[in-house]
Amino acid sequence: MRTKPRLCTPHRPSVEQRRFTPILTLYVRLRNKRYTLAVRQLVAGETTSDVLGEFLEFLDGLDLGVKAVYLD
């Protein structure tokens, strides 16, 4: 007796799909619009505080008059 063909084949995620890659995003809101200023991947040995320091240094160099910044 023949078996019915499967409609979908089982799929295992690749190694890249199983890893969590932390990415930090810096954005500001000006005049009710969101602007992304920086996107950065956190690499081994770095802390979120390290990247936050870099982001704040980056903001100091801009003349935007930013009152609040947001991190994702």
C-alpha atoms as a PDB file:
ATOM      1  CA  MET A   1       0.000   0.000   0.000  1.00  0.00           C
ATOM      2  CA  ARG A   2       1.344   3.423  -0.918  1.00  0.00           C
ATOM      3  CA  THR A   3       1.608   6.188   1.620  1.00  0.00           C
ATOM      4  CA  LYS A   4       0.355   9.667   0.892  1.00  0.00           C
ATOM      5  CA  PRO A   5       3.009  12.244   0.102  1.00  0.00           C
ATOM      6  CA  ARG A   6       3.652  14.811   2.806  1.00  0.00           C
ATOM      7  CA  LEU A   7       2.530  18.309   1.963  1.00  0.00           C
ATOM      8  CA  CYS A   8       5.359  19.941   3.864  1.00  0.00           C
ATOM      9  CA  THR A   9       8.716  18.581   4.760  1.00  0.00           C
ATOM     10  CA  PRO A  10      10.070  18.947   8.283  1.00  0.00           C
ATOM     11  CA  HIS A  11      12.546  21.788   8.570  1.00  0.00           C
ATOM     12  CA  ARG A  12      15.222  22.326  11.158  1.00  0.00           C
ATOM     13  CA  PRO A  13      16.520  25.865  11.573  1.00  0.00           C
ATOM     14  CA  SER A  14      20.111  26.446  10.583  1.00  0.00           C
ATOM     15  CA  VAL A  15      22.711  27.381  13.179  1.00  0.00           C
ATOM     16  CA  GLU A  16      22.462  31.062  12.189  1.00  0.00           C
ATOM     17  CA  GLN A  17      18.718  31.068  12.821  1.00  0.00           C
ATOM     18  CA  ARG A  18      19.134  29.669  16.331  1.00  0.00           C
ATOM     19  CA  ARG A  19      21.517  32.352  17.555  1.00  0.00           C
ATOM     20  CA  PHE A  20      20.406  35.513  19.285  1.00  0.00           C
ATOM     21  CA  THR A  21      22.228  38.570  18.027  1.00  0.00           C
ATOM     22  CA  PRO A  22      21.761  41.605  20.264  1.00  0.00           C
ATOM     23  CA  ILE A  23      21.367  44.776  18.239  1.00  0.00           C
ATOM     24  CA  LEU A  24      21.071  48.234  19.778  1.00  0.00           C
ATOM     25  CA  THR A  25      19.239  51.034  18.015  1.00  0.00           C
ATOM     26  CA  LEU A  26      19.461  54.720  18.853  1.00  0.00           C
ATOM     27  CA  TYR A  27      16.684  56.975  17.714  1.00  0.00           C
ATOM     28  CA  VAL A  28      15.186  60.367  18.470  1.00  0.00           C
ATOM     29  CA  ARG A  29      11.776  61.870  18.040  1.00  0.00           C
ATOM     30  CA  LEU A  30      11.628  65.331  16.540  1.00  0.00           C
ATOM     31  CA  ARG A  31       8.376  67.005  15.580  1.00  0.00           C
ATOM     32  CA  ASN A  32       6.428  63.751  16.051  1.00  0.00           C
ATOM     33  CA  LYS A  33       8.698  61.803  13.688  1.00  0.00           C
ATOM     34  CA  ARG A  34      11.102  59.041  14.614  1.00  0.00           C
ATOM     35  CA  TYR A  35      14.627  59.216  13.206  1.00  0.00           C
ATOM     36  CA  THR A  36      17.048  56.320  13.526  1.00  0.00           C
ATOM     37  CA  LEU A  37      20.533  57.648  14.187  1.00  0.00           C
ATOM     38  CA  ALA A  38      22.534  54.483  14.767  1.00  0.00           C
ATOM     39  CA  VAL A  39      22.194  50.704  14.620  1.00  0.00           C
ATOM     40  CA  ARG A  40      24.924  48.657  16.243  1.00  0.00           C
ATOM     41  CA  GLN A  41      25.487  44.980  16.954  1.00  0.00           C
ATOM     42  CA  LEU A  42      26.726  44.103  20.425  1.00  0.00           C
ATOM     43  CA  VAL A  43      29.817  41.922  20.067  1.00  0.00           C
ATOM     44  CA  ALA A  44      31.356  39.503  22.544  1.00  0.00           C
ATOM     45  CA  GLY A  45      33.029  41.231  25.469  1.00  0.00           C
ATOM     46  CA  GLU A  46      31.012  44.448  25.159  1.00  0.00           C
ATOM     47  CA  THR A  47      28.316  45.592  27.508  1.00  0.00           C
ATOM     48  CA  THR A  48      25.238  47.627  26.762  1.00  0.00           C
ATOM     49  CA  SER A  49      26.802  50.421  28.824  1.00  0.00           C
ATOM     50  CA  ASP A  50      29.815  50.497  26.487  1.00  0.00           C
ATOM     51  CA  VAL A  51      27.609  51.018  23.457  1.00  0.00           C
ATOM     52  CA  LEU A  52      25.458  53.543  25.304  1.00  0.00           C
ATOM     53  CA  GLY A  53      28.627  55.562  25.968  1.00  0.00           C
ATOM     54  CA  GLU A  54      29.443  55.483  22.253  1.00  0.00           C
ATOM     55  CA  PHE A  55      25.914  56.573  21.381  1.00  0.00           C
ATOM     56  CA  LEU A  56      26.064  59.493  23.838  1.00  0.00           C
ATOM     57  CA  GLU A  57      29.416  60.622  22.413  1.00  0.00           C
ATOM     58  CA  PHE A  58      27.872  60.438  18.957  1.00  0.00           C
ATOM     59  CA  LEU A  59      24.950  62.604  20.085  1.00  0.00           C
ATOM     60  CA  ASP A  60      27.295  65.202  21.582  1.00  0.00           C
ATOM     61  CA  GLY A  61      28.726  65.764  18.114  1.00  0.00           C
ATOM     62  CA  LEU A  62      25.324  66.512  16.620  1.00  0.00           C
ATOM     63  CA  ASP A  63      23.587  69.856  16.910  1.00  0.00           C
ATOM     64  CA  LEU A  64      20.009  68.645  17.212  1.00  0.00           C
ATOM     65  CA  GLY A  65      18.806  69.998  20.542  1.00  0.00           C
ATOM     66  CA  VAL A  66      17.549  66.555  21.501  1.00  0.00           C
ATOM     67  CA  LYS A  67      15.528  66.393  24.714  1.00  0.00           C
ATOM     68  CA  ALA A  68      15.100  62.606  24.850  1.00  0.00           C
ATOM     69  CA  VAL A  69      16.721  59.620  23.206  1.00  0.00           C
ATOM     70  CA  TYR A  70      15.402  56.094  22.933  1.00  0.00           C
ATOM     71  CA  LEU A  71      17.219  52.787  22.811  1.00  0.00           C
ATOM     72  CA  ASP A  72      15.852  49.513  21.496  1.00  0.00           C
END
